Amino acid sequence: MNVSIKRAYQSVNQNDGKRILVDGIWPRGIAKEDLAIDLWLKEIAPSKKLRKWFDHDADKFQEFKESYKKELEQDDEKKEALQKLKEWNQSYKKITLIFGAKDEEHNQAVVLKELLEKKS
């Protein structure tokens, strides 16, 4: 399985494979046609409370990662969304997780990519 991550503001590429938006809110200033996603899994996004606490602070990333994984395990809607993401990962040769955050190293897509690569 080949999983990559990409900011929503980067250009679409045919090598992206299936593009899956993993944010709870639509990326600001981007038209739906321009984002060219195949699936929007908004349910898989971190809770509003966790997202606000984290605030993309790199120093909090490890704790964010652990809390986010707990949310993915304990929240039924997130569990279901993660299962769907795993199915897409197994069904397609290439998927790209799309996110809106400026920080490309400290966000939920990074955590999801790690989970997919670990369990695939």
C-alpha atoms as a PDB file:
ATOM      1  CA  MET A   1       0.000   0.000   0.000  1.00  0.00           C
ATOM      2  CA  ASN A   2       1.237   3.438  -0.823  1.00  0.00           C
ATOM      3  CA  VAL A   3       0.035   6.265   1.421  1.00  0.00           C
ATOM      4  CA  SER A   4       1.158   9.852   1.123  1.00  0.00           C
ATOM      5  CA  ILE A   5       0.056  13.113   2.677  1.00  0.00           C
ATOM      6  CA  LYS A   6      -0.358  16.477   1.016  1.00  0.00           C
ATOM      7  CA  ARG A   7      -1.543  19.956   1.903  1.00  0.00           C
ATOM      8  CA  ALA A   8      -4.834  20.951   0.340  1.00  0.00           C
ATOM      9  CA  TYR A   9      -3.072  24.004  -1.110  1.00  0.00           C
ATOM     10  CA  GLN A  10      -0.595  21.950  -3.143  1.00  0.00           C
ATOM     11  CA  SER A  11      -1.477  21.199  -6.738  1.00  0.00           C
ATOM     12  CA  VAL A  12      -3.325  18.030  -7.703  1.00  0.00           C
ATOM     13  CA  ASN A  13      -1.133  15.412  -9.347  1.00  0.00           C
ATOM     14  CA  GLN A  14      -2.146  12.266 -11.216  1.00  0.00           C
ATOM     15  CA  ASN A  15       0.277  10.330  -8.967  1.00  0.00           C
ATOM     16  CA  ASP A  16      -1.863  11.231  -5.926  1.00  0.00           C
ATOM     17  CA  GLY A  17      -4.143   8.266  -6.566  1.00  0.00           C
ATOM     18  CA  LYS A  18      -7.336   8.496  -4.532  1.00  0.00           C
ATOM     19  CA  ARG A  19      -7.436  11.804  -2.663  1.00  0.00           C
ATOM     20  CA  ILE A  20      -9.058  11.746   0.789  1.00  0.00           C
ATOM     21  CA  LEU A  21      -9.662  14.923   2.787  1.00  0.00           C
ATOM     22  CA  VAL A  22      -9.136  14.137   6.492  1.00  0.00           C
ATOM     23  CA  ASP A  23     -10.080  17.550   7.928  1.00  0.00           C
ATOM     24  CA  GLY A  24     -13.300  18.299   9.736  1.00  0.00           C
ATOM     25  CA  ILE A  25     -13.674  21.631   7.997  1.00  0.00           C
ATOM     26  CA  TRP A  26     -13.247  22.517   4.333  1.00  0.00           C
ATOM     27  CA  PRO A  27      -9.880  24.184   3.569  1.00  0.00           C
ATOM     28  CA  ARG A  28     -10.354  27.947   3.350  1.00  0.00           C
ATOM     29  CA  GLY A  29     -10.386  29.502  -0.095  1.00  0.00           C
ATOM     30  CA  ILE A  30     -10.433  26.303  -2.160  1.00  0.00           C
ATOM     31  CA  ALA A  31     -13.259  25.381  -4.530  1.00  0.00           C
ATOM     32  CA  LYS A  32     -14.471  21.781  -4.411  1.00  0.00           C
ATOM     33  CA  GLU A  33     -13.498  21.228  -8.060  1.00  0.00           C
ATOM     34  CA  ASP A  34      -9.977  22.514  -7.418  1.00  0.00           C
ATOM     35  CA  LEU A  35      -9.371  20.184  -4.478  1.00  0.00           C
ATOM     36  CA  ALA A  36     -10.420  17.178  -6.581  1.00  0.00           C
ATOM     37  CA  ILE A  37     -11.035  14.827  -3.672  1.00  0.00           C
ATOM     38  CA  ASP A  38     -12.534  11.364  -4.014  1.00  0.00           C
ATOM     39  CA  LEU A  39     -13.711  11.172  -0.403  1.00  0.00           C
ATOM     40  CA  TRP A  40     -14.189  13.620   2.470  1.00  0.00           C
ATOM     41  CA  LEU A  41     -13.844  11.764   5.772  1.00  0.00           C
ATOM     42  CA  LYS A  42     -14.673  14.675   8.075  1.00  0.00           C
ATOM     43  CA  GLU A  43     -15.658  12.251  10.858  1.00  0.00           C
ATOM     44  CA  ILE A  44     -12.035  11.100  11.158  1.00  0.00           C
ATOM     45  CA  ALA A  45     -10.772  14.564  12.105  1.00  0.00           C
ATOM     46  CA  PRO A  46      -9.677  15.245  15.691  1.00  0.00           C
ATOM     47  CA  SER A  47     -12.373  16.603  17.994  1.00  0.00           C
ATOM     48  CA  LYS A  48     -12.757  20.370  18.120  1.00  0.00           C
ATOM     49  CA  LYS A  49     -11.541  20.323  21.740  1.00  0.00           C
ATOM     50  CA  LEU A  50      -8.358  18.380  20.865  1.00  0.00           C
ATOM     51  CA  ARG A  51      -7.705  20.470  17.763  1.00  0.00           C
ATOM     52  CA  LYS A  52      -8.023  23.753  19.687  1.00  0.00           C
ATOM     53  CA  TRP A  53      -5.819  22.490  22.531  1.00  0.00           C
ATOM     54  CA  PHE A  54      -3.116  21.294  20.111  1.00  0.00           C
ATOM     55  CA  ASP A  55      -3.207  24.470  17.989  1.00  0.00           C
ATOM     56  CA  HIS A  56      -0.454  22.966  15.769  1.00  0.00           C
ATOM     57  CA  ASP A  57       2.140  23.444  18.506  1.00  0.00           C
ATOM     58  CA  ALA A  58       5.009  21.101  17.597  1.00  0.00           C
ATOM     59  CA  ASP A  59       5.935  20.744  21.302  1.00  0.00           C
ATOM     60  CA  LYS A  60       2.489  19.239  21.979  1.00  0.00           C
ATOM     61  CA  PHE A  61       2.549  16.846  19.009  1.00  0.00           C
ATOM     62  CA  GLN A  62       3.409  13.645  20.894  1.00  0.00           C
ATOM     63  CA  GLU A  63       0.593  14.216  23.398  1.00  0.00           C
ATOM     64  CA  PHE A  64      -1.754  15.204  20.544  1.00  0.00           C
ATOM     65  CA  LYS A  65      -0.877  11.992  18.715  1.00  0.00           C
ATOM     66  CA  GLU A  66      -1.666   9.827  21.743  1.00  0.00           C
ATOM     67  CA  SER A  67      -4.937  11.651  22.452  1.00  0.00           C
ATOM     68  CA  TYR A  68      -5.974  11.482  18.799  1.00  0.00           C
ATOM     69  CA  LYS A  69      -5.303   7.738  18.654  1.00  0.00           C
ATOM     70  CA  LYS A  70      -7.500   7.312  21.746  1.00  0.00           C
ATOM     71  CA  GLU A  71     -10.271   9.261  20.021  1.00  0.00           C
ATOM     72  CA  LEU A  72      -9.942   7.003  16.975  1.00  0.00           C
ATOM     73  CA  GLU A  73     -10.271   3.923  19.200  1.00  0.00           C
ATOM     74  CA  GLN A  74     -13.064   5.134  21.469  1.00  0.00           C
ATOM     75  CA  ASP A  75     -15.400   7.265  19.322  1.00  0.00           C
ATOM     76  CA  ASP A  76     -17.708   5.073  17.222  1.00  0.00           C
ATOM     77  CA  GLU A  77     -17.976   7.569  14.365  1.00  0.00           C
ATOM     78  CA  LYS A  78     -14.184   7.955  14.195  1.00  0.00           C
ATOM     79  CA  LYS A  79     -13.708   4.171  14.428  1.00  0.00           C
ATOM     80  CA  GLU A  80     -16.048   3.707  11.482  1.00  0.00           C
ATOM     81  CA  ALA A  81     -14.248   6.412   9.474  1.00  0.00           C
ATOM     82  CA  LEU A  82     -10.866   4.821  10.231  1.00  0.00           C
ATOM     83  CA  GLN A  83     -12.192   1.474   9.054  1.00  0.00           C
ATOM     84  CA  LYS A  84     -13.349   3.071   5.802  1.00  0.00           C
ATOM     85  CA  LEU A  85      -9.908   4.665   5.371  1.00  0.00           C
ATOM     86  CA  LYS A  86      -8.259   1.259   5.886  1.00  0.00           C
ATOM     87  CA  GLU A  87     -10.570  -0.255   3.283  1.00  0.00           C
ATOM     88  CA  TRP A  88      -9.669   2.440   0.751  1.00  0.00           C
ATOM     89  CA  ASN A  89      -5.995   1.870   1.539  1.00  0.00           C
ATOM     90  CA  GLN A  90      -6.386  -1.842   0.767  1.00  0.00           C
ATOM     91  CA  SER A  91      -8.564  -1.293  -2.313  1.00  0.00           C
ATOM     92  CA  TYR A  92      -6.413   1.238  -4.160  1.00  0.00           C
ATOM     93  CA  LYS A  93      -2.755   1.179  -5.154  1.00  0.00           C
ATOM     94  CA  LYS A  94      -2.208   4.740  -3.965  1.00  0.00           C
ATOM     95  CA  ILE A  95      -4.041   7.090  -1.616  1.00  0.00           C
ATOM     96  CA  THR A  96      -3.179  10.612  -0.571  1.00  0.00           C
ATOM     97  CA  LEU A  97      -4.440  12.056   2.695  1.00  0.00           C
ATOM     98  CA  ILE A  98      -5.273  15.721   2.188  1.00  0.00           C
ATOM     99  CA  PHE A  99      -5.094  18.225   5.060  1.00  0.00           C
ATOM    100  CA  GLY A 100      -5.297  21.995   5.397  1.00  0.00           C
ATOM    101  CA  ALA A 101      -2.747  22.716   8.156  1.00  0.00           C
ATOM    102  CA  LYS A 102       0.360  24.762   7.345  1.00  0.00           C
ATOM    103  CA  ASP A 103       2.576  22.454   9.400  1.00  0.00           C
ATOM    104  CA  GLU A 104       3.265  19.403   7.245  1.00  0.00           C
ATOM    105  CA  GLU A 105       4.947  17.408  10.026  1.00  0.00           C
ATOM    106  CA  HIS A 106       2.567  17.904  12.942  1.00  0.00           C
ATOM    107  CA  ASN A 107      -1.045  17.177  11.983  1.00  0.00           C
ATOM    108  CA  GLN A 108      -3.643  14.407  11.978  1.00  0.00           C
ATOM    109  CA  ALA A 109      -2.723  13.208   8.460  1.00  0.00           C
ATOM    110  CA  VAL A 110       0.742  12.277   9.749  1.00  0.00           C
ATOM    111  CA  VAL A 111      -0.842  10.206  12.532  1.00  0.00           C
ATOM    112  CA  LEU A 112      -3.267   8.511  10.121  1.00  0.00           C
ATOM    113  CA  LYS A 113      -0.476   7.698   7.682  1.00  0.00           C
ATOM    114  CA  GLU A 114       1.518   6.054  10.499  1.00  0.00           C
ATOM    115  CA  LEU A 115      -1.520   4.013  11.548  1.00  0.00           C
ATOM    116  CA  LEU A 116      -2.173   2.835   8.006  1.00  0.00           C
ATOM    117  CA  GLU A 117       1.446   1.875   7.410  1.00  0.00           C
ATOM    118  CA  LYS A 118       1.694   0.057  10.727  1.00  0.00           C
ATOM    119  CA  LYS A 119      -1.452  -2.048  10.265  1.00  0.00           C
ATOM    120  CA  SER A 120      -1.246  -2.672   6.518  1.00  0.00           C
END
